[in-house]
mmCIF file of all heavy atoms, coordinates in Angstrom:
data_MODEL
# 
_entry.id   MODEL 
# 
loop_
_atom_site.group_PDB 
_atom_site.id 
_atom_site.type_symbol 
_atom_site.label_atom_id 
_atom_site.label_alt_id 
_atom_site.label_comp_id 
_atom_site.label_asym_id 
_atom_site.label_entity_id 
_atom_site.label_seq_id 
_atom_site.pdbx_PDB_ins_code 
_atom_site.Cartn_x 
_atom_site.Cartn_y 
_atom_site.Cartn_z 
_atom_site.occupancy 
_atom_site.B_iso_or_equiv 
_atom_site.pdbx_formal_charge 
_atom_site.auth_seq_id 
_atom_site.auth_comp_id 
_atom_site.auth_asym_id 
_atom_site.auth_atom_id 
_atom_site.pdbx_PDB_model_num 
ATOM 1   N N   . TYR A 1 1  ? 4.512  -5.504  -5.148  1.00 0.00 ? 1  TYR A N   1 
ATOM 2   C CA  . TYR A 1 1  ? 4.482  -4.232  -4.431  1.00 0.00 ? 1  TYR A CA  1 
ATOM 3   C C   . TYR A 1 1  ? 5.624  -3.332  -4.864  1.00 0.00 ? 1  TYR A C   1 
ATOM 4   O O   . TYR A 1 1  ? 5.492  -2.099  -4.842  1.00 0.00 ? 1  TYR A O   1 
ATOM 5   C CB  . TYR A 1 1  ? 4.578  -4.483  -2.920  1.00 0.00 ? 1  TYR A CB  1 
ATOM 6   C CG  . TYR A 1 1  ? 3.347  -5.105  -2.320  1.00 0.00 ? 1  TYR A CG  1 
ATOM 7   C CD1 . TYR A 1 1  ? 3.197  -6.492  -2.285  1.00 0.00 ? 1  TYR A CD1 1 
ATOM 8   C CD2 . TYR A 1 1  ? 2.331  -4.325  -1.781  1.00 0.00 ? 1  TYR A CD2 1 
ATOM 9   C CE1 . TYR A 1 1  ? 2.067  -7.073  -1.723  1.00 0.00 ? 1  TYR A CE1 1 
ATOM 10  C CE2 . TYR A 1 1  ? 1.202  -4.886  -1.224  1.00 0.00 ? 1  TYR A CE2 1 
ATOM 11  C CZ  . TYR A 1 1  ? 1.065  -6.271  -1.195  1.00 0.00 ? 1  TYR A CZ  1 
ATOM 12  O OH  . TYR A 1 1  ? -0.050 -6.840  -0.660  1.00 0.00 ? 1  TYR A OH  1 
ATOM 13  N N   . THR A 1 2  ? 6.746  -3.921  -5.233  1.00 0.00 ? 2  THR A N   1 
ATOM 14  C CA  . THR A 1 2  ? 7.896  -3.122  -5.642  1.00 0.00 ? 2  THR A CA  1 
ATOM 15  C C   . THR A 1 2  ? 7.601  -2.306  -6.895  1.00 0.00 ? 2  THR A C   1 
ATOM 16  O O   . THR A 1 2  ? 8.211  -1.264  -7.124  1.00 0.00 ? 2  THR A O   1 
ATOM 17  C CB  . THR A 1 2  ? 9.114  -4.030  -5.886  1.00 0.00 ? 2  THR A CB  1 
ATOM 18  O OG1 . THR A 1 2  ? 8.746  -5.093  -6.781  1.00 0.00 ? 2  THR A OG1 1 
ATOM 19  C CG2 . THR A 1 2  ? 9.601  -4.634  -4.582  1.00 0.00 ? 2  THR A CG2 1 
ATOM 20  N N   . ASP A 1 3  ? 6.656  -2.739  -7.713  1.00 0.00 ? 3  ASP A N   1 
ATOM 21  C CA  . ASP A 1 3  ? 6.269  -1.982  -8.905  1.00 0.00 ? 3  ASP A CA  1 
ATOM 22  C C   . ASP A 1 3  ? 5.497  -0.719  -8.547  1.00 0.00 ? 3  ASP A C   1 
ATOM 23  O O   . ASP A 1 3  ? 5.493  0.253   -9.313  1.00 0.00 ? 3  ASP A O   1 
ATOM 24  C CB  . ASP A 1 3  ? 5.400  -2.839  -9.830  1.00 0.00 ? 3  ASP A CB  1 
ATOM 25  C CG  . ASP A 1 3  ? 6.132  -4.047  -10.377 1.00 0.00 ? 3  ASP A CG  1 
ATOM 26  O OD1 . ASP A 1 3  ? 7.369  -3.988  -10.488 1.00 0.00 ? 3  ASP A OD1 1 
ATOM 27  O OD2 . ASP A 1 3  ? 5.467  -5.054  -10.695 1.00 0.00 ? 3  ASP A OD2 1 
ATOM 28  N N   . LEU A 1 4  ? 4.830  -0.736  -7.397  1.00 0.00 ? 4  LEU A N   1 
ATOM 29  C CA  . LEU A 1 4  ? 3.913  0.350   -7.049  1.00 0.00 ? 4  LEU A CA  1 
ATOM 30  C C   . LEU A 1 4  ? 4.616  1.656   -6.723  1.00 0.00 ? 4  LEU A C   1 
ATOM 31  O O   . LEU A 1 4  ? 3.986  2.714   -6.703  1.00 0.00 ? 4  LEU A O   1 
ATOM 32  C CB  . LEU A 1 4  ? 3.036  -0.068  -5.860  1.00 0.00 ? 4  LEU A CB  1 
ATOM 33  C CG  . LEU A 1 4  ? 2.084  -1.237  -6.124  1.00 0.00 ? 4  LEU A CG  1 
ATOM 34  C CD1 . LEU A 1 4  ? 1.330  -1.607  -4.843  1.00 0.00 ? 4  LEU A CD1 1 
ATOM 35  C CD2 . LEU A 1 4  ? 1.087  -0.900  -7.237  1.00 0.00 ? 4  LEU A CD2 1 
ATOM 36  N N   . THR A 1 5  ? 5.916  1.617   -6.470  1.00 0.00 ? 5  THR A N   1 
ATOM 37  C CA  . THR A 1 5  ? 6.631  2.861   -6.161  1.00 0.00 ? 5  THR A CA  1 
ATOM 38  C C   . THR A 1 5  ? 6.913  3.687   -7.409  1.00 0.00 ? 5  THR A C   1 
ATOM 39  O O   . THR A 1 5  ? 7.369  4.821   -7.306  1.00 0.00 ? 5  THR A O   1 
ATOM 40  C CB  . THR A 1 5  ? 7.960  2.554   -5.443  1.00 0.00 ? 5  THR A CB  1 
ATOM 41  O OG1 . THR A 1 5  ? 8.758  1.702   -6.262  1.00 0.00 ? 5  THR A OG1 1 
ATOM 42  C CG2 . THR A 1 5  ? 7.701  1.874   -4.106  1.00 0.00 ? 5  THR A CG2 1 
ATOM 43  N N   . ASP A 1 6  ? 6.622  3.133   -8.588  1.00 0.00 ? 6  ASP A N   1 
ATOM 44  C CA  . ASP A 1 6  ? 6.779  3.880   -9.836  1.00 0.00 ? 6  ASP A CA  1 
ATOM 45  C C   . ASP A 1 6  ? 5.764  5.017   -9.879  1.00 0.00 ? 6  ASP A C   1 
ATOM 46  O O   . ASP A 1 6  ? 4.624  4.886   -9.437  1.00 0.00 ? 6  ASP A O   1 
ATOM 47  C CB  . ASP A 1 6  ? 6.576  2.943   -11.033 1.00 0.00 ? 6  ASP A CB  1 
ATOM 48  C CG  . ASP A 1 6  ? 6.971  3.595   -12.349 1.00 0.00 ? 6  ASP A CG  1 
ATOM 49  O OD1 . ASP A 1 6  ? 6.228  4.486   -12.814 1.00 0.00 ? 6  ASP A OD1 1 
ATOM 50  O OD2 . ASP A 1 6  ? 8.006  3.204   -12.917 1.00 0.00 ? 6  ASP A OD2 1 
ATOM 51  N N   . GLU A 1 7  ? 6.155  6.140   -10.455 1.00 0.00 ? 7  GLU A N   1 
ATOM 52  C CA  . GLU A 1 7  ? 5.304  7.326   -10.508 1.00 0.00 ? 7  GLU A CA  1 
ATOM 53  C C   . GLU A 1 7  ? 3.968  7.054   -11.206 1.00 0.00 ? 7  GLU A C   1 
ATOM 54  O O   . GLU A 1 7  ? 2.956  7.688   -10.886 1.00 0.00 ? 7  GLU A O   1 
ATOM 55  C CB  . GLU A 1 7  ? 6.053  8.466   -11.217 1.00 0.00 ? 7  GLU A CB  1 
ATOM 56  C CG  . GLU A 1 7  ? 5.284  9.783   -11.300 1.00 0.00 ? 7  GLU A CG  1 
ATOM 57  C CD  . GLU A 1 7  ? 5.015  10.400  -9.933  1.00 0.00 ? 7  GLU A CD  1 
ATOM 58  O OE1 . GLU A 1 7  ? 5.769  10.106  -8.981  1.00 0.00 ? 7  GLU A OE1 1 
ATOM 59  O OE2 . GLU A 1 7  ? 4.039  11.171  -9.825  1.00 0.00 ? 7  GLU A OE2 1 
ATOM 60  N N   . LYS A 1 8  ? 3.942  6.104   -12.143 1.00 0.00 ? 8  LYS A N   1 
ATOM 61  C CA  . LYS A 1 8  ? 2.697  5.847   -12.874 1.00 0.00 ? 8  LYS A CA  1 
ATOM 62  C C   . LYS A 1 8  ? 1.600  5.275   -11.981 1.00 0.00 ? 8  LYS A C   1 
ATOM 63  O O   . LYS A 1 8  ? 0.426  5.286   -12.359 1.00 0.00 ? 8  LYS A O   1 
ATOM 64  C CB  . LYS A 1 8  ? 2.952  4.923   -14.061 1.00 0.00 ? 8  LYS A CB  1 
ATOM 65  C CG  . LYS A 1 8  ? 3.370  3.517   -13.701 1.00 0.00 ? 8  LYS A CG  1 
ATOM 66  C CD  . LYS A 1 8  ? 3.683  2.719   -14.957 1.00 0.00 ? 8  LYS A CD  1 
ATOM 67  C CE  . LYS A 1 8  ? 4.223  1.337   -14.649 1.00 0.00 ? 8  LYS A CE  1 
ATOM 68  N NZ  . LYS A 1 8  ? 4.619  0.610   -15.883 1.00 0.00 ? 8  LYS A NZ  1 
ATOM 69  N N   . TRP A 1 9  ? 1.975  4.765   -10.790 1.00 0.00 ? 9  TRP A N   1 
ATOM 70  C CA  . TRP A 1 9  ? 0.980  4.231   -9.873  1.00 0.00 ? 9  TRP A CA  1 
ATOM 71  C C   . TRP A 1 9  ? 0.684  5.208   -8.737  1.00 0.00 ? 9  TRP A C   1 
ATOM 72  O O   . TRP A 1 9  ? 0.016  4.838   -7.771  1.00 0.00 ? 9  TRP A O   1 
ATOM 73  C CB  . TRP A 1 9  ? 1.446  2.896   -9.302  1.00 0.00 ? 9  TRP A CB  1 
ATOM 74  C CG  . TRP A 1 9  ? 1.627  1.836   -10.350 1.00 0.00 ? 9  TRP A CG  1 
ATOM 75  C CD1 . TRP A 1 9  ? 2.800  1.278   -10.767 1.00 0.00 ? 9  TRP A CD1 1 
ATOM 76  C CD2 . TRP A 1 9  ? 0.596  1.225   -11.132 1.00 0.00 ? 9  TRP A CD2 1 
ATOM 77  N NE1 . TRP A 1 9  ? 2.570  0.359   -11.753 1.00 0.00 ? 9  TRP A NE1 1 
ATOM 78  C CE2 . TRP A 1 9  ? 1.229  0.293   -12.003 1.00 0.00 ? 9  TRP A CE2 1 
ATOM 79  C CE3 . TRP A 1 9  ? -0.790 1.363   -11.178 1.00 0.00 ? 9  TRP A CE3 1 
ATOM 80  C CZ2 . TRP A 1 9  ? 0.507  -0.474  -12.907 1.00 0.00 ? 9  TRP A CZ2 1 
ATOM 81  C CZ3 . TRP A 1 9  ? -1.508 0.595   -12.076 1.00 0.00 ? 9  TRP A CZ3 1 
ATOM 82  C CH2 . TRP A 1 9  ? -0.868 -0.317  -12.927 1.00 0.00 ? 9  TRP A CH2 1 
ATOM 83  N N   . LYS A 1 10 ? 1.135  6.456   -8.871  1.00 0.00 ? 10 LYS A N   1 
ATOM 84  C CA  . LYS A 1 10 ? 0.902  7.462   -7.837  1.00 0.00 ? 10 LYS A CA  1 
ATOM 85  C C   . LYS A 1 10 ? -0.591 7.581   -7.534  1.00 0.00 ? 10 LYS A C   1 
ATOM 86  O O   . LYS A 1 10 ? -1.402 7.825   -8.432  1.00 0.00 ? 10 LYS A O   1 
ATOM 87  C CB  . LYS A 1 10 ? 1.462  8.818   -8.303  1.00 0.00 ? 10 LYS A CB  1 
ATOM 88  C CG  . LYS A 1 10 ? 1.220  9.969   -7.343  1.00 0.00 ? 10 LYS A CG  1 
ATOM 89  C CD  . LYS A 1 10 ? 2.049  9.848   -6.088  1.00 0.00 ? 10 LYS A CD  1 
ATOM 90  C CE  . LYS A 1 10 ? 1.896  11.068  -5.196  1.00 0.00 ? 10 LYS A CE  1 
ATOM 91  N NZ  . LYS A 1 10 ? 2.632  10.937  -3.923  1.00 0.00 ? 10 LYS A NZ  1 
ATOM 92  N N   . ASP A 1 11 ? -0.961 7.388   -6.250  1.00 0.00 ? 11 ASP A N   1 
ATOM 93  C CA  . ASP A 1 11 ? -2.345 7.498   -5.767  1.00 0.00 ? 11 ASP A CA  1 
ATOM 94  C C   . ASP A 1 11 ? -3.301 6.505   -6.432  1.00 0.00 ? 11 ASP A C   1 
ATOM 95  O O   . ASP A 1 11 ? -4.522 6.675   -6.352  1.00 0.00 ? 11 ASP A O   1 
ATOM 96  C CB  . ASP A 1 11 ? -2.883 8.921   -5.959  1.00 0.00 ? 11 ASP A CB  1 
ATOM 97  C CG  . ASP A 1 11 ? -2.168 9.925   -5.084  1.00 0.00 ? 11 ASP A CG  1 
ATOM 98  O OD1 . ASP A 1 11 ? -1.765 9.552   -3.959  1.00 0.00 ? 11 ASP A OD1 1 
ATOM 99  O OD2 . ASP A 1 11 ? -2.002 11.082  -5.512  1.00 0.00 ? 11 ASP A OD2 1 
ATOM 100 N N   . LYS A 1 12 ? -2.769 5.465   -7.048  1.00 0.00 ? 12 LYS A N   1 
ATOM 101 C CA  . LYS A 1 12 ? -3.626 4.475   -7.709  1.00 0.00 ? 12 LYS A CA  1 
ATOM 102 C C   . LYS A 1 12 ? -3.936 3.282   -6.816  1.00 0.00 ? 12 LYS A C   1 
ATOM 103 O O   . LYS A 1 12 ? -4.779 2.460   -7.143  1.00 0.00 ? 12 LYS A O   1 
ATOM 104 C CB  . LYS A 1 12 ? -2.963 3.980   -9.011  1.00 0.00 ? 12 LYS A CB  1 
ATOM 105 C CG  . LYS A 1 12 ? -2.766 5.050   -10.068 1.00 0.00 ? 12 LYS A CG  1 
ATOM 106 C CD  . LYS A 1 12 ? -4.086 5.586   -10.562 1.00 0.00 ? 12 LYS A CD  1 
ATOM 107 C CE  . LYS A 1 12 ? -3.890 6.562   -11.708 1.00 0.00 ? 12 LYS A CE  1 
ATOM 108 N NZ  . LYS A 1 12 ? -5.188 7.135   -12.172 1.00 0.00 ? 12 LYS A NZ  1 
ATOM 109 N N   . TYR A 1 13 ? -3.232 3.158   -5.696  1.00 0.00 ? 13 TYR A N   1 
ATOM 110 C CA  . TYR A 1 13 ? -3.451 2.009   -4.827  1.00 0.00 ? 13 TYR A CA  1 
ATOM 111 C C   . TYR A 1 13 ? -3.742 2.476   -3.402  1.00 0.00 ? 13 TYR A C   1 
ATOM 112 O O   . TYR A 1 13 ? -3.170 3.448   -2.919  1.00 0.00 ? 13 TYR A O   1 
ATOM 113 C CB  . TYR A 1 13 ? -2.249 1.053   -4.837  1.00 0.00 ? 13 TYR A CB  1 
ATOM 114 C CG  . TYR A 1 13 ? -0.920 1.669   -4.476  1.00 0.00 ? 13 TYR A CG  1 
ATOM 115 C CD1 . TYR A 1 13 ? -0.416 1.582   -3.170  1.00 0.00 ? 13 TYR A CD1 1 
ATOM 116 C CD2 . TYR A 1 13 ? -0.143 2.323   -5.433  1.00 0.00 ? 13 TYR A CD2 1 
ATOM 117 C CE1 . TYR A 1 13 ? 0.815  2.134   -2.844  1.00 0.00 ? 13 TYR A CE1 1 
ATOM 118 C CE2 . TYR A 1 13 ? 1.090  2.874   -5.116  1.00 0.00 ? 13 TYR A CE2 1 
ATOM 119 C CZ  . TYR A 1 13 ? 1.560  2.776   -3.818  1.00 0.00 ? 13 TYR A CZ  1 
ATOM 120 O OH  . TYR A 1 13 ? 2.775  3.320   -3.496  1.00 0.00 ? 13 TYR A OH  1 
ATOM 121 N N   . THR A 1 14 ? -4.659 1.770   -2.751  1.00 0.00 ? 14 THR A N   1 
ATOM 122 C CA  . THR A 1 14 ? -5.048 2.096   -1.378  1.00 0.00 ? 14 THR A CA  1 
ATOM 123 C C   . THR A 1 14 ? -4.321 1.187   -0.401  1.00 0.00 ? 14 THR A C   1 
ATOM 124 O O   . THR A 1 14 ? -4.331 -0.040  -0.547  1.00 0.00 ? 14 THR A O   1 
ATOM 125 C CB  . THR A 1 14 ? -6.565 1.944   -1.187  1.00 0.00 ? 14 THR A CB  1 
ATOM 126 O OG1 . THR A 1 14 ? -7.246 2.869   -2.048  1.00 0.00 ? 14 THR A OG1 1 
ATOM 127 C CG2 . THR A 1 14 ? -6.967 2.208   0.258   1.00 0.00 ? 14 THR A CG2 1 
ATOM 128 N N   . ILE A 1 15 ? -3.713 1.801   0.599   1.00 0.00 ? 15 ILE A N   1 
ATOM 129 C CA  . ILE A 1 15 ? -3.060 1.078   1.687   1.00 0.00 ? 15 ILE A CA  1 
ATOM 130 C C   . ILE A 1 15 ? -3.988 1.143   2.896   1.00 0.00 ? 15 ILE A C   1 
ATOM 131 O O   . ILE A 1 15 ? -4.374 2.232   3.325   1.00 0.00 ? 15 ILE A O   1 
ATOM 132 C CB  . ILE A 1 15 ? -1.705 1.714   2.034   1.00 0.00 ? 15 ILE A CB  1 
ATOM 133 C CG1 . ILE A 1 15 ? -0.765 1.688   0.820   1.00 0.00 ? 15 ILE A CG1 1 
ATOM 134 C CG2 . ILE A 1 15 ? -1.060 1.006   3.226   1.00 0.00 ? 15 ILE A CG2 1 
ATOM 135 C CD1 . ILE A 1 15 ? 0.513  2.492   1.022   1.00 0.00 ? 15 ILE A CD1 1 
ATOM 136 N N   . LEU A 1 16 ? -4.376 -0.005  3.429   1.00 0.00 ? 16 LEU A N   1 
ATOM 137 C CA  . LEU A 1 16 ? -5.250 -0.016  4.599   1.00 0.00 ? 16 LEU A CA  1 
ATOM 138 C C   . LEU A 1 16 ? -4.479 0.448   5.829   1.00 0.00 ? 16 LEU A C   1 
ATOM 139 O O   . LEU A 1 16 ? -3.287 0.199   5.969   1.00 0.00 ? 16 LEU A O   1 
ATOM 140 C CB  . LEU A 1 16 ? -5.806 -1.424  4.821   1.00 0.00 ? 16 LEU A CB  1 
ATOM 141 C CG  . LEU A 1 16 ? -6.678 -1.977  3.679   1.00 0.00 ? 16 LEU A CG  1 
ATOM 142 C CD1 . LEU A 1 16 ? -7.265 -3.332  4.075   1.00 0.00 ? 16 LEU A CD1 1 
ATOM 143 C CD2 . LEU A 1 16 ? -7.791 -1.013  3.300   1.00 0.00 ? 16 LEU A CD2 1 
ATOM 144 N N   . ASN A 1 17 ? -5.197 1.146   6.716   1.00 0.00 ? 17 ASN A N   1 
ATOM 145 C CA  . ASN A 1 17 ? -4.516 1.761   7.857   1.00 0.00 ? 17 ASN A CA  1 
ATOM 146 C C   . ASN A 1 17 ? -3.856 0.712   8.735   1.00 0.00 ? 17 ASN A C   1 
ATOM 147 O O   . ASN A 1 17 ? -4.274 -0.446  8.791   1.00 0.00 ? 17 ASN A O   1 
ATOM 148 C CB  . ASN A 1 17 ? -5.485 2.634   8.660   1.00 0.00 ? 17 ASN A CB  1 
ATOM 149 C CG  . ASN A 1 17 ? -6.433 1.808   9.512   1.00 0.00 ? 17 ASN A CG  1 
ATOM 150 O OD1 . ASN A 1 17 ? -6.057 1.299   10.557  1.00 0.00 ? 17 ASN A OD1 1 
ATOM 151 N ND2 . ASN A 1 17 ? -7.678 1.690   9.071   1.00 0.00 ? 17 ASN A ND2 1 
ATOM 152 N N   . PHE A 1 18 ? -2.812 1.127   9.427   1.00 0.00 ? 18 PHE A N   1 
ATOM 153 C CA  . PHE A 1 18 ? -1.995 0.202   10.193  1.00 0.00 ? 18 PHE A CA  1 
ATOM 154 C C   . PHE A 1 18 ? -2.556 -0.095  11.580  1.00 0.00 ? 18 PHE A C   1 
ATOM 155 O O   . PHE A 1 18 ? -1.917 -0.768  12.383  1.00 0.00 ? 18 PHE A O   1 
ATOM 156 C CB  . PHE A 1 18 ? -0.564 0.739   10.303  1.00 0.00 ? 18 PHE A CB  1 
ATOM 157 C CG  . PHE A 1 18 ? 0.082  0.943   8.954   1.00 0.00 ? 18 PHE A CG  1 
ATOM 158 C CD1 . PHE A 1 18 ? 0.679  2.160   8.638   1.00 0.00 ? 18 PHE A CD1 1 
ATOM 159 C CD2 . PHE A 1 18 ? 0.074  -0.060  8.003   1.00 0.00 ? 18 PHE A CD2 1 
ATOM 160 C CE1 . PHE A 1 18 ? 1.267  2.360   7.390   1.00 0.00 ? 18 PHE A CE1 1 
ATOM 161 C CE2 . PHE A 1 18 ? 0.653  0.134   6.760   1.00 0.00 ? 18 PHE A CE2 1 
ATOM 162 C CZ  . PHE A 1 18 ? 1.252  1.341   6.451   1.00 0.00 ? 18 PHE A CZ  1 
ATOM 163 N N   . GLY A 1 19 ? -3.779 0.405   11.845  1.00 0.00 ? 19 GLY A N   1 
ATOM 164 C CA  . GLY A 1 19 ? -4.467 0.011   13.067  1.00 0.00 ? 19 GLY A CA  1 
ATOM 165 C C   . GLY A 1 19 ? -5.129 -1.339  12.910  1.00 0.00 ? 19 GLY A C   1 
ATOM 166 O O   . GLY A 1 19 ? -5.495 -1.981  13.896  1.00 0.00 ? 19 GLY A O   1 
ATOM 167 N N   . GLY A 1 20 ? -5.309 -1.782  11.670  1.00 0.00 ? 20 GLY A N   1 
ATOM 168 C CA  . GLY A 1 20 ? -5.954 -3.057  11.391  1.00 0.00 ? 20 GLY A CA  1 
ATOM 169 C C   . GLY A 1 20 ? -4.946 -4.150  11.104  1.00 0.00 ? 20 GLY A C   1 
ATOM 170 O O   . GLY A 1 20 ? -3.807 -3.889  10.708  1.00 0.00 ? 20 GLY A O   1 
ATOM 171 N N   . GLY A 1 21 ? -5.380 -5.384  11.273  1.00 0.00 ? 21 GLY A N   1 
ATOM 172 C CA  . GLY A 1 21 ? -4.487 -6.512  11.088  1.00 0.00 ? 21 GLY A CA  1 
ATOM 173 C C   . GLY A 1 21 ? -3.976 -6.668  9.676   1.00 0.00 ? 21 GLY A C   1 
ATOM 174 O O   . GLY A 1 21 ? -2.809 -7.014  9.458   1.00 0.00 ? 21 GLY A O   1 
ATOM 175 N N   . THR A 1 22 ? -4.832 -6.425  8.679   1.00 0.00 ? 22 THR A N   1 
ATOM 176 C CA  . THR A 1 22 ? -4.404 -6.581  7.290   1.00 0.00 ? 22 THR A CA  1 
ATOM 177 C C   . THR A 1 22 ? -3.310 -5.578  6.943   1.00 0.00 ? 22 THR A C   1 
ATOM 178 O O   . THR A 1 22 ? -2.277 -5.940  6.371   1.00 0.00 ? 22 THR A O   1 
ATOM 179 C CB  . THR A 1 22 ? -5.597 -6.413  6.330   1.00 0.00 ? 22 THR A CB  1 
ATOM 180 O OG1 . THR A 1 22 ? -6.517 -7.488  6.541   1.00 0.00 ? 22 THR A OG1 1 
ATOM 181 C CG2 . THR A 1 22 ? -5.141 -6.443  4.888   1.00 0.00 ? 22 THR A CG2 1 
ATOM 182 N N   . GLY A 1 23 ? -3.537 -4.310  7.281   1.00 0.00 ? 23 GLY A N   1 
ATOM 183 C CA  . GLY A 1 23 ? -2.544 -3.280  6.975   1.00 0.00 ? 23 GLY A CA  1 
ATOM 184 C C   . GLY A 1 23 ? -1.214 -3.552  7.648   1.00 0.00 ? 23 GLY A C   1 
ATOM 185 O O   . GLY A 1 23 ? -0.146 -3.442  7.031   1.00 0.00 ? 23 GLY A O   1 
ATOM 186 N N   . LYS A 1 24 ? -1.255 -3.933  8.925   1.00 0.00 ? 24 LYS A N   1 
ATOM 187 C CA  . LYS A 1 24 ? -0.010 -4.203  9.649   1.00 0.00 ? 24 LYS A CA  1 
ATOM 188 C C   . LYS A 1 24 ? 0.725  -5.417  9.084   1.00 0.00 ? 24 LYS A C   1 
ATOM 189 O O   . LYS A 1 24 ? 1.948  -5.416  8.960   1.00 0.00 ? 24 LYS A O   1 
ATOM 190 C CB  . LYS A 1 24 ? -0.318 -4.446  11.133  1.00 0.00 ? 24 LYS A CB  1 
ATOM 191 C CG  . LYS A 1 24 ? -0.582 -3.203  11.929  1.00 0.00 ? 24 LYS A CG  1 
ATOM 192 C CD  . LYS A 1 24 ? -0.345 -3.412  13.411  1.00 0.00 ? 24 LYS A CD  1 
ATOM 193 C CE  . LYS A 1 24 ? -1.200 -4.503  14.003  1.00 0.00 ? 24 LYS A CE  1 
ATOM 194 N NZ  . LYS A 1 24 ? -1.053 -4.561  15.480  1.00 0.00 ? 24 LYS A NZ  1 
ATOM 195 N N   . THR A 1 25 ? -0.029 -6.454  8.754   1.00 0.00 ? 25 THR A N   1 
ATOM 196 C CA  . THR A 1 25 ? 0.611  -7.686  8.296   1.00 0.00 ? 25 THR A CA  1 
ATOM 197 C C   . THR A 1 25 ? 1.228  -7.511  6.916   1.00 0.00 ? 25 THR A C   1 
ATOM 198 O O   . THR A 1 25 ? 2.322  -8.026  6.640   1.00 0.00 ? 25 THR A O   1 
ATOM 199 C CB  . THR A 1 25 ? -0.390 -8.848  8.292   1.00 0.00 ? 25 THR A CB  1 
ATOM 200 O OG1 . THR A 1 25 ? -0.960 -8.980  9.595   1.00 0.00 ? 25 THR A OG1 1 
ATOM 201 C CG2 . THR A 1 25 ? 0.286  -10.153 7.910   1.00 0.00 ? 25 THR A CG2 1 
ATOM 202 N N   . ILE A 1 26 ? 0.551  -6.783  6.037   1.00 0.00 ? 26 ILE A N   1 
ATOM 203 C CA  . ILE A 1 26 ? 1.135  -6.536  4.721   1.00 0.00 ? 26 ILE A CA  1 
ATOM 204 C C   . ILE A 1 26 ? 2.388  -5.676  4.848   1.00 0.00 ? 26 ILE A C   1 
ATOM 205 O O   . ILE A 1 26 ? 3.402  -5.925  4.184   1.00 0.00 ? 26 ILE A O   1 
ATOM 206 C CB  . ILE A 1 26 ? 0.096  -5.899  3.775   1.00 0.00 ? 26 ILE A CB  1 
ATOM 207 C CG1 . ILE A 1 26 ? -0.953 -6.945  3.384   1.00 0.00 ? 26 ILE A CG1 1 
ATOM 208 C CG2 . ILE A 1 26 ? 0.776  -5.327  2.527   1.00 0.00 ? 26 ILE A CG2 1 
ATOM 209 C CD1 . ILE A 1 26 ? -2.049 -6.447  2.471   1.00 0.00 ? 26 ILE A CD1 1 
ATOM 210 N N   . LEU A 1 27 ? 2.351  -4.678  5.717   1.00 0.00 ? 27 LEU A N   1 
ATOM 211 C CA  . LEU A 1 27 ? 3.557  -3.880  5.984   1.00 0.00 ? 27 LEU A CA  1 
ATOM 212 C C   . LEU A 1 27 ? 4.696  -4.794  6.436   1.00 0.00 ? 27 LEU A C   1 
ATOM 213 O O   . LEU A 1 27 ? 5.829  -4.694  5.940   1.00 0.00 ? 27 LEU A O   1 
ATOM 214 C CB  . LEU A 1 27 ? 3.262  -2.828  7.044   1.00 0.00 ? 27 LEU A CB  1 
ATOM 215 C CG  . LEU A 1 27 ? 4.474  -2.056  7.581   1.00 0.00 ? 27 LEU A CG  1 
ATOM 216 C CD1 . LEU A 1 27 ? 5.116  -1.207  6.482   1.00 0.00 ? 27 LEU A CD1 1 
ATOM 217 C CD2 . LEU A 1 27 ? 4.075  -1.185  8.776   1.00 0.00 ? 27 LEU A CD2 1 
# 
C-alpha cells in the first residue's frame, strides 16, 4: 500500500467505502 501514494498510481486503485467491513478493516 505504501507504493500506492506515488503519483504514477494516481486514481489507479479503488478504495472501498468505509461503511463496509472490508474498507474499514483495511484502513
